[in-house]
N, C-alpha and C. Protein backbone atom coordinates (compact mmCIF):
# COMPACT_ATOMS: atom_id res chain seq x y z
N MET A 1 109.46 111.06 100.44
CA MET A 1 109.13 111.96 99.34
C MET A 1 110.00 111.57 98.14
N THR A 2 109.38 111.50 96.98
CA THR A 2 110.10 111.08 95.77
C THR A 2 110.88 112.26 95.17
N ARG A 3 111.81 111.93 94.28
CA ARG A 3 112.56 112.98 93.58
C ARG A 3 111.62 113.86 92.78
N ALA A 4 110.59 113.26 92.17
CA ALA A 4 109.63 114.04 91.37
C ALA A 4 108.87 115.03 92.25
N GLU A 5 108.51 114.62 93.45
CA GLU A 5 107.80 115.51 94.38
C GLU A 5 108.72 116.65 94.83
N ILE A 6 109.98 116.33 95.09
CA ILE A 6 110.94 117.36 95.49
C ILE A 6 111.16 118.33 94.34
N LEU A 7 111.32 117.80 93.14
CA LEU A 7 111.50 118.66 91.96
C LEU A 7 110.30 119.58 91.77
N ALA A 8 109.10 119.05 91.96
CA ALA A 8 107.89 119.87 91.83
C ALA A 8 107.87 120.98 92.89
N GLY A 9 108.31 120.68 94.09
CA GLY A 9 108.38 121.69 95.14
C GLY A 9 109.40 122.77 94.83
N ILE A 10 110.56 122.37 94.32
CA ILE A 10 111.60 123.33 93.94
C ILE A 10 111.10 124.18 92.77
N ASP A 11 110.39 123.56 91.84
CA ASP A 11 109.81 124.29 90.71
C ASP A 11 108.86 125.38 91.22
N GLN A 12 108.02 125.03 92.15
CA GLN A 12 107.07 126.00 92.72
C GLN A 12 107.81 127.15 93.40
N VAL A 13 108.84 126.82 94.18
CA VAL A 13 109.64 127.84 94.85
C VAL A 13 110.31 128.75 93.83
N ALA A 14 110.88 128.16 92.79
CA ALA A 14 111.58 128.95 91.77
C ALA A 14 110.63 129.90 91.05
N ARG A 15 109.44 129.45 90.77
CA ARG A 15 108.45 130.30 90.09
C ARG A 15 107.97 131.43 90.99
N THR A 16 107.71 131.11 92.25
CA THR A 16 107.14 132.07 93.18
C THR A 16 108.16 133.10 93.67
N HIS A 17 109.38 132.66 93.95
CA HIS A 17 110.31 133.52 94.67
C HIS A 17 111.48 134.07 93.84
N VAL A 18 111.81 133.43 92.72
CA VAL A 18 112.92 133.96 91.92
C VAL A 18 112.52 134.25 90.48
N GLY A 19 111.22 134.15 90.20
CA GLY A 19 110.72 134.54 88.89
C GLY A 19 111.08 133.62 87.75
N PHE A 20 111.38 132.35 88.05
CA PHE A 20 111.70 131.40 86.97
C PHE A 20 110.43 131.09 86.20
N ASP A 21 110.54 131.10 84.89
CA ASP A 21 109.41 130.78 84.04
C ASP A 21 109.90 129.85 82.94
N GLY A 22 109.52 128.62 83.01
CA GLY A 22 109.96 127.63 82.04
C GLY A 22 109.82 126.25 82.62
N ARG A 23 110.39 125.28 81.93
CA ARG A 23 110.34 123.90 82.40
C ARG A 23 111.60 123.61 83.21
N LEU A 24 111.41 123.23 84.45
CA LEU A 24 112.54 122.95 85.34
C LEU A 24 112.93 121.48 85.20
N GLU A 25 114.21 121.24 84.91
CA GLU A 25 114.73 119.88 84.75
C GLU A 25 115.97 119.70 85.62
N GLU A 26 116.19 118.47 86.05
CA GLU A 26 117.31 118.20 86.95
C GLU A 26 118.67 118.52 86.34
N SER A 27 118.78 118.46 85.04
CA SER A 27 120.08 118.69 84.40
C SER A 27 120.45 120.18 84.31
N GLN A 28 119.51 121.06 84.57
CA GLN A 28 119.77 122.49 84.42
C GLN A 28 120.70 123.01 85.52
N ARG A 29 121.65 123.84 85.09
CA ARG A 29 122.56 124.48 86.03
C ARG A 29 121.89 125.73 86.58
N LEU A 30 122.04 125.94 87.88
CA LEU A 30 121.33 127.04 88.54
C LEU A 30 121.75 128.41 88.01
N GLN A 31 123.03 128.63 87.85
CA GLN A 31 123.48 129.94 87.39
C GLN A 31 123.43 130.06 85.88
N GLU A 32 124.03 129.12 85.19
CA GLU A 32 124.16 129.24 83.74
C GLU A 32 122.85 129.07 83.00
N ASP A 33 122.06 128.05 83.37
CA ASP A 33 120.84 127.75 82.64
C ASP A 33 119.62 128.51 83.16
N LEU A 34 119.53 128.66 84.48
CA LEU A 34 118.39 129.36 85.06
C LEU A 34 118.65 130.86 85.22
N GLY A 35 119.91 131.26 85.09
CA GLY A 35 120.26 132.68 85.17
C GLY A 35 120.16 133.27 86.56
N LEU A 36 120.37 132.45 87.59
CA LEU A 36 120.28 132.95 88.96
C LEU A 36 121.58 133.60 89.39
N ASP A 37 121.50 134.84 89.84
CA ASP A 37 122.68 135.50 90.39
C ASP A 37 122.81 135.12 91.87
N SER A 38 123.82 135.65 92.54
CA SER A 38 124.08 135.24 93.92
C SER A 38 122.92 135.55 94.86
N ILE A 39 122.27 136.67 94.68
CA ILE A 39 121.13 137.03 95.54
C ILE A 39 119.97 136.07 95.30
N ARG A 40 119.67 135.80 94.06
CA ARG A 40 118.55 134.89 93.76
C ARG A 40 118.87 133.46 94.18
N LEU A 41 120.15 133.07 94.15
CA LEU A 41 120.53 131.76 94.67
C LEU A 41 120.26 131.67 96.17
N LEU A 42 120.57 132.74 96.90
CA LEU A 42 120.31 132.77 98.34
C LEU A 42 118.82 132.71 98.62
N VAL A 43 118.04 133.45 97.85
CA VAL A 43 116.59 133.42 98.01
C VAL A 43 116.06 132.01 97.74
N LEU A 44 116.53 131.40 96.66
CA LEU A 44 116.10 130.04 96.34
C LEU A 44 116.44 129.09 97.49
N ALA A 45 117.66 129.17 98.00
CA ALA A 45 118.08 128.28 99.09
C ALA A 45 117.21 128.49 100.33
N ALA A 46 116.98 129.73 100.69
CA ALA A 46 116.17 130.02 101.88
C ALA A 46 114.74 129.52 101.72
N GLU A 47 114.18 129.74 100.55
CA GLU A 47 112.80 129.31 100.33
C GLU A 47 112.67 127.80 100.19
N VAL A 48 113.70 127.13 99.68
CA VAL A 48 113.70 125.67 99.65
C VAL A 48 113.76 125.14 101.08
N GLU A 49 114.58 125.76 101.91
CA GLU A 49 114.62 125.38 103.33
C GLU A 49 113.24 125.52 103.96
N ASN A 50 112.57 126.63 103.71
CA ASN A 50 111.23 126.85 104.26
C ASN A 50 110.23 125.84 103.72
N ARG A 51 110.25 125.60 102.43
CA ARG A 51 109.28 124.71 101.79
C ARG A 51 109.39 123.28 102.30
N PHE A 52 110.62 122.80 102.46
CA PHE A 52 110.83 121.40 102.85
C PHE A 52 111.17 121.24 104.33
N ARG A 53 111.28 122.36 105.04
CA ARG A 53 111.62 122.34 106.48
C ARG A 53 112.92 121.58 106.74
N VAL A 54 113.95 121.98 105.99
CA VAL A 54 115.29 121.43 106.15
C VAL A 54 116.26 122.59 106.31
N ALA A 55 117.46 122.29 106.76
CA ALA A 55 118.50 123.30 106.88
C ALA A 55 119.66 122.93 105.96
N LEU A 56 119.95 123.80 105.03
CA LEU A 56 121.10 123.60 104.14
C LEU A 56 122.31 124.23 104.81
N ASP A 57 123.46 123.60 104.68
CA ASP A 57 124.68 124.16 105.28
C ASP A 57 125.69 124.47 104.19
N PRO A 58 126.79 125.16 104.55
CA PRO A 58 127.77 125.55 103.53
C PRO A 58 128.32 124.39 102.70
N ALA A 59 128.46 123.22 103.30
CA ALA A 59 128.94 122.06 102.54
C ALA A 59 127.93 121.70 101.45
N ASP A 60 126.65 121.88 101.74
CA ASP A 60 125.62 121.62 100.74
C ASP A 60 125.75 122.61 99.59
N ASP A 61 125.98 123.87 99.91
CA ASP A 61 126.11 124.90 98.89
C ASP A 61 127.21 124.57 97.90
N ALA A 62 128.31 124.04 98.40
CA ALA A 62 129.44 123.71 97.53
C ALA A 62 129.11 122.56 96.59
N ALA A 63 128.19 121.68 97.00
CA ALA A 63 127.85 120.50 96.20
C ALA A 63 126.75 120.77 95.18
N VAL A 64 126.08 121.90 95.30
CA VAL A 64 124.91 122.16 94.45
C VAL A 64 125.28 123.06 93.29
N ARG A 65 125.23 122.49 92.10
CA ARG A 65 125.46 123.25 90.87
C ARG A 65 124.26 123.17 89.93
N THR A 66 123.52 122.04 90.04
CA THR A 66 122.38 121.83 89.15
C THR A 66 121.10 121.65 89.98
N VAL A 67 119.98 121.69 89.30
CA VAL A 67 118.71 121.43 89.96
C VAL A 67 118.72 120.02 90.55
N GLY A 68 119.28 119.07 89.81
CA GLY A 68 119.38 117.70 90.30
C GLY A 68 120.21 117.59 91.57
N ASP A 69 121.29 118.36 91.64
CA ASP A 69 122.10 118.38 92.87
C ASP A 69 121.25 118.86 94.05
N LEU A 70 120.45 119.89 93.82
CA LEU A 70 119.60 120.42 94.88
C LEU A 70 118.55 119.39 95.29
N VAL A 71 117.98 118.69 94.33
CA VAL A 71 117.02 117.63 94.64
C VAL A 71 117.69 116.56 95.50
N THR A 72 118.91 116.17 95.15
CA THR A 72 119.65 115.15 95.91
C THR A 72 119.91 115.61 97.33
N VAL A 73 120.33 116.84 97.50
CA VAL A 73 120.61 117.36 98.85
C VAL A 73 119.34 117.38 99.70
N VAL A 74 118.26 117.88 99.12
CA VAL A 74 117.00 117.94 99.86
C VAL A 74 116.53 116.52 100.20
N ALA A 75 116.63 115.60 99.25
CA ALA A 75 116.23 114.21 99.51
C ALA A 75 117.04 113.62 100.65
N GLY A 76 118.34 113.93 100.69
CA GLY A 76 119.19 113.45 101.77
C GLY A 76 118.79 114.02 103.12
N LYS A 77 118.37 115.27 103.13
CA LYS A 77 117.95 115.92 104.38
C LYS A 77 116.62 115.35 104.87
N LEU A 78 115.77 114.92 103.92
CA LEU A 78 114.46 114.39 104.27
C LEU A 78 114.49 112.91 104.64
N ALA A 79 115.57 112.24 104.28
CA ALA A 79 115.68 110.79 104.56
C ALA A 79 115.71 110.55 106.05
N PRO A 80 115.05 109.45 106.50
CA PRO A 80 115.02 109.15 107.94
C PRO A 80 116.39 108.76 108.47
């Protein structure tokens, strides 16, 4: 799966489950730019796990600050 496909999936999750409305870009920060509070971050993480059938762990949470970071983590989980 390409980064663009992962980004599109995260975009869909963000629109459906956390009410994001706008253009999602890898450089955007989850809290500062997207305005996600701790509850909405948890919802996003859970729904990304469901969408891509991966399991994020606490070490992943510490590494994710931007949409691009999340794309990288998901890509790593999907890699063979």
